[in-house]
Amino acid sequence: MTLLTKFNQAVDHPDAGRLLLRCVLGVLMLFHGFFKLTHGVSWIAPILAAHHLPSVLAYGAYIGEVVAPICIILGLFARLAGLVYAVNMVFAVVLIAGANFWTTTDVGAWGLETEALYLFGGLLVMLLGPGKYSISKA
C-alpha cells in the first residue's frame, strides 16, 4: 500500500467534512447576524428602496444571517437553510457589494471573494446535506 493510499484512507471522513463546513459557514455568518441583532436592519431599507424593493425585506437578514446559520450548524433542515443562506448572499451582492464585481483588491483578490465563498458554501450545504453528525438525518 502506498503512502498516498494510506493518507487517503486516513482522511476519508466525508461526514466530518460536512460538519466542519456547516460549523465554519454557520459561525462566520452568525457574526453578521449578531451585528444585525444588535444594530437592527433599518439601514437596509433605503438600499432596498433604491432598488424598488419593499423595506420589509430587510427583516429577511435575520432569517438569512441568524436562523439559517443556526440551522446549518445544527444540521436541522440543513439543505433548506443552505439555500436560504445562499439567497441571502445573492441579495447582499445585488444590493451592496455588486459594484465590486469587476474589481480586485490591493493583493489581487476578487472584490467579491468573501461573498462568493459564503454563497457557494451555502449551495454546498444544500447539495451535500447535513451528514450523519446532525440533528436531522433528512
C-alpha atoms as a PDB file:
ATOM      1  CA  MET A   1       0.000   0.000   0.000  1.00  0.00           C
ATOM      2  CA  THR A   2       1.417   3.359  -0.991  1.00  0.00           C
ATOM      3  CA  LEU A   3       1.815   6.301   1.323  1.00  0.00           C
ATOM      4  CA  LEU A   4      -0.777   8.242  -0.681  1.00  0.00           C
ATOM      5  CA  THR A   5      -3.305   5.420  -0.336  1.00  0.00           C
ATOM      6  CA  LYS A   6      -2.737   5.278   3.431  1.00  0.00           C
ATOM      7  CA  PHE A   7      -3.163   9.037   3.654  1.00  0.00           C
ATOM      8  CA  ASN A   8      -6.359   8.939   1.595  1.00  0.00           C
ATOM      9  CA  GLN A   9      -7.810   6.214   3.811  1.00  0.00           C
ATOM     10  CA  ALA A  10      -6.839   8.089   6.970  1.00  0.00           C
ATOM     11  CA  VAL A  11      -8.581  11.313   5.917  1.00  0.00           C
ATOM     12  CA  ASP A  12     -11.648   9.813   4.238  1.00  0.00           C
ATOM     13  CA  HIS A  13     -14.315  11.235   6.555  1.00  0.00           C
ATOM     14  CA  PRO A  14     -16.977  12.969   4.436  1.00  0.00           C
ATOM     15  CA  ASP A  15     -19.386  13.360   7.343  1.00  0.00           C
ATOM     16  CA  ALA A  16     -16.723  15.099   9.420  1.00  0.00           C
ATOM     17  CA  GLY A  17     -16.065  17.330   6.407  1.00  0.00           C
ATOM     18  CA  ARG A  18     -19.756  18.212   6.195  1.00  0.00           C
ATOM     19  CA  LEU A  19     -19.796  19.024   9.907  1.00  0.00           C
ATOM     20  CA  LEU A  20     -16.727  21.248   9.586  1.00  0.00           C
ATOM     21  CA  LEU A  21     -18.217  23.026   6.561  1.00  0.00           C
ATOM     22  CA  ARG A  22     -21.517  23.570   8.388  1.00  0.00           C
ATOM     23  CA  CYS A  23     -19.836  24.897  11.537  1.00  0.00           C
ATOM     24  CA  VAL A  24     -17.465  27.251   9.719  1.00  0.00           C
ATOM     25  CA  LEU A  25     -20.165  28.710   7.467  1.00  0.00           C
ATOM     26  CA  GLY A  26     -22.656  28.979  10.296  1.00  0.00           C
ATOM     27  CA  VAL A  27     -20.353  30.609  12.824  1.00  0.00           C
ATOM     28  CA  LEU A  28     -18.897  33.092  10.341  1.00  0.00           C
ATOM     29  CA  MET A  29     -22.353  34.211   9.180  1.00  0.00           C
ATOM     30  CA  LEU A  30     -23.557  34.488  12.768  1.00  0.00           C
ATOM     31  CA  PHE A  31     -21.105  37.366  13.238  1.00  0.00           C
ATOM     32  CA  HIS A  32     -23.080  39.250  10.577  1.00  0.00           C
ATOM     33  CA  GLY A  33     -26.338  38.165  12.199  1.00  0.00           C
ATOM     34  CA  PHE A  34     -25.182  39.330  15.617  1.00  0.00           C
ATOM     35  CA  PHE A  35     -24.455  42.748  14.130  1.00  0.00           C
ATOM     36  CA  LYS A  36     -27.990  42.871  12.730  1.00  0.00           C
ATOM     37  CA  LEU A  37     -29.431  41.797  16.089  1.00  0.00           C
ATOM     38  CA  THR A  38     -27.535  44.496  17.988  1.00  0.00           C
ATOM     39  CA  HIS A  39     -27.775  47.318  15.427  1.00  0.00           C
ATOM     40  CA  GLY A  40     -31.006  46.500  13.616  1.00  0.00           C
ATOM     41  CA  VAL A  41     -31.770  46.332   9.917  1.00  0.00           C
ATOM     42  CA  SER A  42     -33.281  49.773   9.376  1.00  0.00           C
ATOM     43  CA  TRP A  43     -30.170  50.849   7.457  1.00  0.00           C
ATOM     44  CA  ILE A  44     -31.046  48.249   4.798  1.00  0.00           C
ATOM     45  CA  ALA A  45     -34.447  49.811   3.992  1.00  0.00           C
ATOM     46  CA  PRO A  46     -33.075  52.745   1.925  1.00  0.00           C
ATOM     47  CA  ILE A  47     -30.897  50.341  -0.054  1.00  0.00           C
ATOM     48  CA  LEU A  48     -33.942  48.207  -0.818  1.00  0.00           C
ATOM     49  CA  ALA A  49     -35.956  51.294  -1.768  1.00  0.00           C
ATOM     50  CA  ALA A  50     -33.210  52.351  -4.187  1.00  0.00           C
ATOM     51  CA  HIS A  51     -33.755  49.005  -5.937  1.00  0.00           C
ATOM     52  CA  HIS A  52     -37.570  49.412  -5.859  1.00  0.00           C
ATOM     53  CA  LEU A  53     -37.982  46.625  -3.305  1.00  0.00           C
ATOM     54  CA  PRO A  54     -40.198  46.745  -0.188  1.00  0.00           C
ATOM     55  CA  SER A  55     -38.403  47.679   3.023  1.00  0.00           C
ATOM     56  CA  VAL A  56     -39.934  44.702   4.836  1.00  0.00           C
ATOM     57  CA  LEU A  57     -37.398  42.521   3.007  1.00  0.00           C
ATOM     58  CA  ALA A  58     -34.750  43.943   5.361  1.00  0.00           C
ATOM     59  CA  TYR A  59     -36.059  41.583   8.032  1.00  0.00           C
ATOM     60  CA  GLY A  60     -35.012  38.691   5.804  1.00  0.00           C
ATOM     61  CA  ALA A  61     -31.470  39.407   7.000  1.00  0.00           C
ATOM     62  CA  TYR A  62     -32.466  37.928  10.358  1.00  0.00           C
ATOM     63  CA  ILE A  63     -33.575  34.727   8.640  1.00  0.00           C
ATOM     64  CA  GLY A  64     -30.534  34.523   6.373  1.00  0.00           C
ATOM     65  CA  GLU A  65     -27.935  35.566   8.942  1.00  0.00           C
ATOM     66  CA  VAL A  66     -29.288  34.182  12.222  1.00  0.00           C
ATOM     67  CA  VAL A  67     -31.885  31.444  11.690  1.00  0.00           C
ATOM     68  CA  ALA A  68     -30.308  29.764   8.646  1.00  0.00           C
ATOM     69  CA  PRO A  69     -26.777  29.652  10.131  1.00  0.00           C
ATOM     70  CA  ILE A  70     -28.078  28.139  13.375  1.00  0.00           C
ATOM     71  CA  CYS A  71     -29.971  25.508  11.384  1.00  0.00           C
ATOM     72  CA  ILE A  72     -26.859  24.834   9.297  1.00  0.00           C
ATOM     73  CA  ILE A  73     -24.676  24.378  12.387  1.00  0.00           C
ATOM     74  CA  LEU A  74     -27.179  22.024  13.987  1.00  0.00           C
ATOM     75  CA  GLY A  75     -27.879  20.183  10.755  1.00  0.00           C
ATOM     76  CA  LEU A  76     -31.574  20.952  11.135  1.00  0.00           C
ATOM     77  CA  PHE A  77     -33.246  21.483   7.745  1.00  0.00           C
ATOM     78  CA  ALA A  78     -29.683  21.991   6.518  1.00  0.00           C
ATOM     79  CA  ARG A  79     -30.460  21.750   2.804  1.00  0.00           C
ATOM     80  CA  LEU A  80     -33.218  24.365   3.006  1.00  0.00           C
ATOM     81  CA  ALA A  81     -31.088  26.521   5.314  1.00  0.00           C
ATOM     82  CA  GLY A  82     -28.195  26.300   2.829  1.00  0.00           C
ATOM     83  CA  LEU A  83     -30.488  27.594   0.086  1.00  0.00           C
ATOM     84  CA  VAL A  84     -31.754  30.450   2.288  1.00  0.00           C
ATOM     85  CA  TYR A  85     -28.133  31.278   3.199  1.00  0.00           C
ATOM     86  CA  ALA A  86     -27.169  31.414  -0.489  1.00  0.00           C
ATOM     87  CA  VAL A  87     -30.190  33.540  -1.436  1.00  0.00           C
ATOM     88  CA  ASN A  88     -29.284  35.914   1.393  1.00  0.00           C
ATOM     89  CA  MET A  89     -25.862  36.302  -0.208  1.00  0.00           C
ATOM     90  CA  VAL A  90     -27.395  36.969  -3.628  1.00  0.00           C
ATOM     91  CA  PHE A  91     -29.317  39.849  -2.045  1.00  0.00           C
ATOM     92  CA  ALA A  92     -26.143  41.114  -0.357  1.00  0.00           C
ATOM     93  CA  VAL A  93     -24.245  41.087  -3.638  1.00  0.00           C
ATOM     94  CA  VAL A  94     -27.014  42.682  -5.695  1.00  0.00           C
ATOM     95  CA  LEU A  95     -27.860  45.343  -3.111  1.00  0.00           C
ATOM     96  CA  ILE A  96     -24.484  46.185  -1.598  1.00  0.00           C
ATOM     97  CA  ALA A  97     -21.389  44.514  -2.994  1.00  0.00           C
ATOM     98  CA  GLY A  98     -22.281  44.208  -6.685  1.00  0.00           C
ATOM     99  CA  ALA A  99     -20.198  47.237  -7.616  1.00  0.00           C
ATOM    100  CA  ASN A 100     -17.122  45.186  -6.719  1.00  0.00           C
ATOM    101  CA  PHE A 101     -17.850  42.505  -9.332  1.00  0.00           C
ATOM    102  CA  TRP A 102     -15.103  43.625 -11.719  1.00  0.00           C
ATOM    103  CA  THR A 103     -12.619  44.763  -9.077  1.00  0.00           C
ATOM    104  CA  THR A 104      -9.651  43.240  -7.330  1.00  0.00           C
ATOM    105  CA  THR A 105      -8.132  44.171  -4.005  1.00  0.00           C
ATOM    106  CA  ASP A 106      -4.636  45.518  -3.408  1.00  0.00           C
ATOM    107  CA  VAL A 107      -3.386  41.937  -3.041  1.00  0.00           C
ATOM    108  CA  GLY A 108      -5.102  40.640  -6.186  1.00  0.00           C
ATOM    109  CA  ALA A 109      -8.155  39.028  -4.628  1.00  0.00           C
ATOM    110  CA  TRP A 110     -11.512  39.287  -6.375  1.00  0.00           C
ATOM    111  CA  GLY A 111     -13.673  42.075  -4.968  1.00  0.00           C
ATOM    112  CA  LEU A 112     -16.486  39.595  -4.227  1.00  0.00           C
ATOM    113  CA  GLU A 113     -14.294  36.798  -2.928  1.00  0.00           C
ATOM    114  CA  THR A 114     -15.851  36.638   0.531  1.00  0.00           C
ATOM    115  CA  GLU A 115     -19.393  36.887  -0.780  1.00  0.00           C
ATOM    116  CA  ALA A 116     -18.694  34.134  -3.317  1.00  0.00           C
ATOM    117  CA  LEU A 117     -17.313  31.838  -0.623  1.00  0.00           C
ATOM    118  CA  TYR A 118     -20.427  32.362   1.502  1.00  0.00           C
ATOM    119  CA  LEU A 119     -22.802  31.944  -1.449  1.00  0.00           C
ATOM    120  CA  PHE A 120     -21.187  28.786  -2.788  1.00  0.00           C
ATOM    121  CA  GLY A 121     -20.724  27.448   0.742  1.00  0.00           C
ATOM    122  CA  GLY A 122     -24.481  27.711   1.243  1.00  0.00           C
ATOM    123  CA  LEU A 123     -25.050  25.910  -2.062  1.00  0.00           C
ATOM    124  CA  LEU A 124     -22.595  23.192  -0.995  1.00  0.00           C
ATOM    125  CA  VAL A 125     -24.512  22.622   2.242  1.00  0.00           C
ATOM    126  CA  MET A 126     -27.704  22.420   0.192  1.00  0.00           C
ATOM    127  CA  LEU A 127     -26.207  19.894  -2.234  1.00  0.00           C
ATOM    128  CA  LEU A 128     -24.246  17.776   0.267  1.00  0.00           C
ATOM    129  CA  GLY A 129     -26.802  17.693   3.063  1.00  0.00           C
ATOM    130  CA  PRO A 130     -26.013  17.661   6.762  1.00  0.00           C
ATOM    131  CA  GLY A 131     -24.266  14.287   7.025  1.00  0.00           C
ATOM    132  CA  LYS A 132     -24.575  11.918   9.948  1.00  0.00           C
ATOM    133  CA  TYR A 133     -23.356  14.407  12.585  1.00  0.00           C
ATOM    134  CA  SER A 134     -26.545  16.427  12.675  1.00  0.00           C
ATOM    135  CA  ILE A 135     -29.864  16.703  14.451  1.00  0.00           C
ATOM    136  CA  SER A 136     -31.809  15.864  11.324  1.00  0.00           C
ATOM    137  CA  LYS A 137     -30.958  12.966   9.069  1.00  0.00           C
ATOM    138  CA  ALA A 138     -33.246  14.034   6.204  1.00  0.00           C
END
